[in-house]
C-alpha atoms as a PDB file:
ATOM      1  CA  MET A   1       0.008  -0.015   0.011  1.00  0.00           C
ATOM      2  CA  ALA A   2       1.318   3.457  -0.912  1.00  0.00           C
ATOM      3  CA  ALA A   3       2.299   5.835   1.854  1.00  0.00           C
ATOM      4  CA  LYS A   4       0.144   8.885   2.455  1.00  0.00           C
ATOM      5  CA  ILE A   5       1.187  12.402   3.441  1.00  0.00           C
ATOM      6  CA  SER A   6      -0.486  13.982   6.384  1.00  0.00           C
ATOM      7  CA  LEU A   7       0.114  16.487   9.186  1.00  0.00           C
ATOM      8  CA  ILE A   8       0.490  15.770  12.896  1.00  0.00           C
ATOM      9  CA  GLY A   9       1.387  17.667  16.076  1.00  0.00           C
ATOM     10  CA  LEU A  10       5.078  18.238  16.621  1.00  0.00           C
ATOM     11  CA  ASP A  11       5.065  16.266  19.897  1.00  0.00           C
ATOM     12  CA  GLN A  12       3.794  13.183  18.023  1.00  0.00           C
ATOM     13  CA  ALA A  13       5.956  13.526  14.879  1.00  0.00           C
ATOM     14  CA  GLU A  14       8.334  10.649  15.457  1.00  0.00           C
ATOM     15  CA  VAL A  15       9.239   7.806  13.102  1.00  0.00           C
ATOM     16  CA  GLY A  16       7.471   4.589  14.254  1.00  0.00           C
ATOM     17  CA  HIS A  17       4.746   6.376  16.190  1.00  0.00           C
ATOM     18  CA  VAL A  18       1.384   4.656  15.691  1.00  0.00           C
ATOM     19  CA  PHE A  19      -1.835   6.659  15.908  1.00  0.00           C
ATOM     20  CA  ARG A  20      -5.497   6.314  14.983  1.00  0.00           C
ATOM     21  CA  PHE A  21      -7.188   8.923  12.798  1.00  0.00           C
ATOM     22  CA  VAL A  22     -10.524   9.527  14.423  1.00  0.00           C
ATOM     23  CA  GLN A  23     -12.170  12.399  12.510  1.00  0.00           C
ATOM     24  CA  PRO A  24     -11.646  15.968  11.439  1.00  0.00           C
ATOM     25  CA  LEU A  25     -12.208  18.642  14.055  1.00  0.00           C
ATOM     26  CA  GLN A  26     -14.768  21.342  13.471  1.00  0.00           C
ATOM     27  CA  THR A  27     -12.186  23.907  14.514  1.00  0.00           C
ATOM     28  CA  CYS A  28     -10.296  23.025  11.352  1.00  0.00           C
ATOM     29  CA  SER A  29     -13.019  23.725   8.875  1.00  0.00           C
ATOM     30  CA  GLU A  30     -11.512  27.119   7.901  1.00  0.00           C
ATOM     31  CA  CYS A  31      -7.884  25.916   7.614  1.00  0.00           C
ATOM     32  CA  LYS A  32      -6.309  26.237   4.117  1.00  0.00           C
ATOM     33  CA  ILE A  33      -4.409  22.979   4.435  1.00  0.00           C
ATOM     34  CA  LYS A  34      -7.075  20.856   6.153  1.00  0.00           C
ATOM     35  CA  ASN A  35      -7.162  18.376   3.209  1.00  0.00           C
ATOM     36  CA  VAL A  36      -3.655  17.270   3.968  1.00  0.00           C
ATOM     37  CA  CYS A  37      -4.605  16.486   7.588  1.00  0.00           C
ATOM     38  CA  PHE A  38      -7.847  14.788   6.655  1.00  0.00           C
ATOM     39  CA  ASN A  39      -6.832  12.550   3.786  1.00  0.00           C
ATOM     40  CA  LEU A  40      -6.599   9.614   6.149  1.00  0.00           C
ATOM     41  CA  GLU A  41      -9.507   7.194   6.712  1.00  0.00           C
ATOM     42  CA  HIS A  42     -11.694   7.362   9.814  1.00  0.00           C
ATOM     43  CA  GLY A  43     -10.875   4.782  12.416  1.00  0.00           C
ATOM     44  CA  LYS A  44      -7.731   3.377  10.778  1.00  0.00           C
ATOM     45  CA  ARG A  45      -4.329   3.113  12.477  1.00  0.00           C
ATOM     46  CA  TYR A  46      -1.234   4.602  10.870  1.00  0.00           C
ATOM     47  CA  ARG A  47       2.518   4.403  11.507  1.00  0.00           C
ATOM     48  CA  ILE A  48       4.807   7.334  10.744  1.00  0.00           C
ATOM     49  CA  LYS A  49       7.449   6.282   8.223  1.00  0.00           C
ATOM     50  CA  GLU A  50       9.140   9.638   7.721  1.00  0.00           C
ATOM     51  CA  VAL A  51       9.026  13.087   9.318  1.00  0.00           C
ATOM     52  CA  ARG A  52       9.712  15.788   6.785  1.00  0.00           C
ATOM     53  CA  LYS A  53      11.290  19.164   7.553  1.00  0.00           C
ATOM     54  CA  GLN A  54       8.256  21.107   6.425  1.00  0.00           C
ATOM     55  CA  GLN A  55       6.100  22.492   9.288  1.00  0.00           C
ATOM     56  CA  HIS A  56       2.870  24.464   9.158  1.00  0.00           C
ATOM     57  CA  PRO A  57       1.035  26.719  11.667  1.00  0.00           C
ATOM     58  CA  CYS A  58      -1.869  25.104  13.481  1.00  0.00           C
ATOM     59  CA  MET A  59      -4.155  26.469  16.143  1.00  0.00           C
ATOM     60  CA  VAL A  60      -5.225  22.977  17.343  1.00  0.00           C
ATOM     61  CA  PHE A  61      -2.015  21.261  18.282  1.00  0.00           C
ATOM     62  CA  ASN A  62       0.323  22.314  21.027  1.00  0.00           C
ATOM     63  CA  HIS A  63       3.376  24.288  19.965  1.00  0.00           C
ATOM     64  CA  ASP A  64       1.010  25.876  17.399  1.00  0.00           C
ATOM     65  CA  LYS A  65       2.633  23.878  14.587  1.00  0.00           C
ATOM     66  CA  VAL A  66       2.209  20.609  12.791  1.00  0.00           C
ATOM     67  CA  ALA A  67       4.854  18.480  11.061  1.00  0.00           C
ATOM     68  CA  THR A  68       4.500  16.964   7.612  1.00  0.00           C
ATOM     69  CA  VAL A  69       4.669  13.167   7.854  1.00  0.00           C
ATOM     70  CA  GLU A  70       4.593  10.187   5.558  1.00  0.00           C
ATOM     71  CA  VAL A  71       2.381   7.440   7.019  1.00  0.00           C
ATOM     72  CA  GLU A  72       1.383   3.886   6.247  1.00  0.00           C
ATOM     73  CA  GLU A  73      -1.682   1.991   7.337  1.00  0.00           C
ATOM     74  CA  VAL A  74      -1.096  -0.692   9.951  1.00  0.00           C
ATOM     75  CA  ASP A  75      -3.063  -3.791  10.789  1.00  0.00           C
ATOM     76  CA  GLU A  76      -5.501  -3.849  13.695  1.00  0.00           C
ATOM     77  CA  ASP A  77      -5.218  -5.881  16.845  1.00  0.00           C
ATOM     78  CA  LEU A  78      -8.700  -7.268  17.553  1.00  0.00           C
ATOM     79  CA  VAL A  79     -10.147  -9.734  20.067  1.00  0.00           C
ATOM     80  CA  VAL A  80     -12.544 -12.310  18.650  1.00  0.00           C
ATOM     81  CA  GLU A  81     -14.275 -15.411  19.924  1.00  0.00           C
ATOM     82  CA  TYR A  82     -12.173 -18.394  18.785  1.00  0.00           C
ATOM     83  CA  GLY A  83     -13.776 -20.936  16.524  1.00  0.00           C
ATOM     84  CA  ASN A  84     -13.480 -22.917  13.307  1.00  0.00           C
ATOM     85  CA  LYS A  85     -13.780 -19.835  11.087  1.00  0.00           C
ATOM     86  CA  ILE A  86     -10.882 -18.048  12.759  1.00  0.00           C
ATOM     87  CA  GLN A  87      -7.945 -19.100  10.610  1.00  0.00           C
ATOM     88  CA  GLU A  88      -4.966 -17.142   9.333  1.00  0.00           C
ATOM     89  CA  GLY A  89      -5.678 -15.912   5.790  1.00  0.00           C
ATOM     90  CA  SER A  90      -9.459 -16.157   6.106  1.00  0.00           C
ATOM     91  CA  THR A  91     -11.809 -13.237   5.608  1.00  0.00           C
ATOM     92  CA  LEU A  92     -14.800 -12.865   7.816  1.00  0.00           C
ATOM     93  CA  SER A  93     -17.474 -10.460   8.946  1.00  0.00           C
ATOM     94  CA  LEU A  94     -16.942  -9.434  12.512  1.00  0.00           C
ATOM     95  CA  LYS A  95     -19.717  -7.998  14.699  1.00  0.00           C
ATOM     96  CA  SER A  96     -19.228  -5.942  17.754  1.00  0.00           C
ATOM     97  CA  ARG A  97     -19.661  -7.998  20.887  1.00  0.00           C
ATOM     98  CA  LYS A  98     -21.342  -4.996  22.592  1.00  0.00           C
ATOM     99  CA  CYS A  99     -19.669  -6.060  25.800  1.00  0.00           C
ATOM    100  CA  ASP A 100     -20.449  -3.993  28.851  1.00  0.00           C
ATOM    101  CA  HIS A 101     -17.456  -5.064  31.039  1.00  0.00           C
ATOM    102  CA  ILE A 102     -16.032  -1.510  31.073  1.00  0.00           C
ATOM    103  CA  THR A 103     -12.999  -2.375  33.225  1.00  0.00           C
ATOM    104  CA  CYS A 104     -11.726  -4.951  30.681  1.00  0.00           C
ATOM    105  CA  GLU A 105      -8.553  -3.801  28.944  1.00  0.00           C
ATOM    106  CA  PHE A 106      -9.775  -5.305  25.701  1.00  0.00           C
ATOM    107  CA  ILE A 107     -13.219  -3.751  25.527  1.00  0.00           C
ATOM    108  CA  GLU A 108     -12.435  -1.503  22.484  1.00  0.00           C
ATOM    109  CA  LYS A 109     -10.875  -4.452  20.641  1.00  0.00           C
ATOM    110  CA  CYS A 110     -13.946  -6.662  21.206  1.00  0.00           C
ATOM    111  CA  ASN A 111     -16.545  -4.013  20.543  1.00  0.00           C
ATOM    112  CA  LEU A 112     -14.924  -2.753  17.260  1.00  0.00           C
ATOM    113  CA  THR A 113     -15.207   0.758  18.793  1.00  0.00           C
ATOM    114  CA  TYR A 114     -13.778   2.501  15.695  1.00  0.00           C
ATOM    115  CA  TYR A 115     -15.607   0.433  13.065  1.00  0.00           C
ATOM    116  CA  GLY A 116     -19.282   0.238  13.787  1.00  0.00           C
ATOM    117  CA  ASP A 117     -21.430  -2.903  14.248  1.00  0.00           C
ATOM    118  CA  GLU A 118     -20.119  -5.171  11.485  1.00  0.00           C
ATOM    119  CA  VAL A 119     -17.155  -5.098   9.161  1.00  0.00           C
ATOM    120  CA  LYS A 120     -15.010  -7.519   7.129  1.00  0.00           C
ATOM    121  CA  PHE A 121     -11.483  -8.277   8.134  1.00  0.00           C
ATOM    122  CA  ASN A 122      -8.793 -10.500   6.701  1.00  0.00           C
ATOM    123  CA  ILE A 123      -7.010 -12.381   9.490  1.00  0.00           C
ATOM    124  CA  ARG A 124      -3.224 -11.928   9.122  1.00  0.00           C
ATOM    125  CA  LYS A 125      -2.168 -13.693  12.321  1.00  0.00           C
ATOM    126  CA  ILE A 126      -3.652 -15.433  15.356  1.00  0.00           C
ATOM    127  CA  MET A 127      -1.584 -14.115  18.212  1.00  0.00           C
ATOM    128  CA  HIS A 128      -2.620 -15.379  21.669  1.00  0.00           C
ATOM    129  CA  LYS A 129      -5.462 -16.285  24.030  1.00  0.00           C
ATOM    130  CA  VAL A 130      -7.025 -13.421  25.929  1.00  0.00           C
ATOM    131  CA  ASP A 131      -8.245 -13.849  29.473  1.00  0.00           C
ATOM    132  CA  CYS A 132     -11.909 -12.740  29.081  1.00  0.00           C
ATOM    133  CA  PRO A 133     -13.502 -11.627  32.390  1.00  0.00           C
ATOM    134  CA  LYS A 134     -16.843 -13.028  31.122  1.00  0.00           C
ATOM    135  CA  GLY A 135     -15.332 -16.478  30.383  1.00  0.00           C
ATOM    136  CA  TYR A 136     -15.491 -16.460  26.565  1.00  0.00           C
ATOM    137  CA  ASN A 137     -12.843 -18.311  24.551  1.00  0.00           C
ATOM    138  CA  MET A 138     -11.238 -15.140  23.048  1.00  0.00           C
ATOM    139  CA  LYS A 139      -8.046 -14.694  20.954  1.00  0.00           C
ATOM    140  CA  MET A 140      -6.133 -11.661  19.901  1.00  0.00           C
ATOM    141  CA  ILE A 141      -5.719 -11.522  16.131  1.00  0.00           C
ATOM    142  CA  GLU A 142      -3.903  -9.166  13.767  1.00  0.00           C
ATOM    143  CA  ALA A 143      -6.291  -8.195  10.958  1.00  0.00           C
ATOM    144  CA  LYS A 144      -6.670  -5.890   7.991  1.00  0.00           C
ATOM    145  CA  LEU A 145      -9.874  -4.104   7.169  1.00  0.00           C
ATOM    146  CA  VAL A 146     -11.207  -5.470   3.839  1.00  0.00           C
ATOM    147  CA  ASN A 147     -13.983  -3.025   3.056  1.00  0.00           C
ATOM    148  CA  GLY A 148     -14.210   0.664   3.630  1.00  0.00           C
ATOM    149  CA  LYS A 149     -17.433   0.429   5.516  1.00  0.00           C
ATOM    150  CA  ASN A 150     -16.970   2.432   8.749  1.00  0.00           C
END
């Protein structure tokens, strides 16, 4: 996948830093370079590959500046109920578990917080068993979003 150019706060502009693009801020609607910031896809995770010298003024980020960065999309770590359909290389529709165990460290990864109720993922790697406080047989997987449905 080709790298994309975006802008990020100076304090986050570090090669290898991984972040999630959530959504454009309303404060930015008048900015002349907002399209560079907002060319990333809602909910996806990105890793900074290169920090360029070019900086721009910004009233949102601390230090009042943003750095120009080259980013690449990175796979998601998700928690899914383990079963026959969970195999490396397979593509499946995942639904949010809608779990209400708010103290669980994996709640965002089970509930697909950044993706909605149902999306398709390609399983890249089955990583390890997750200790589910509700007793489900859950595994951490590394997956790539297949469709752009967010």
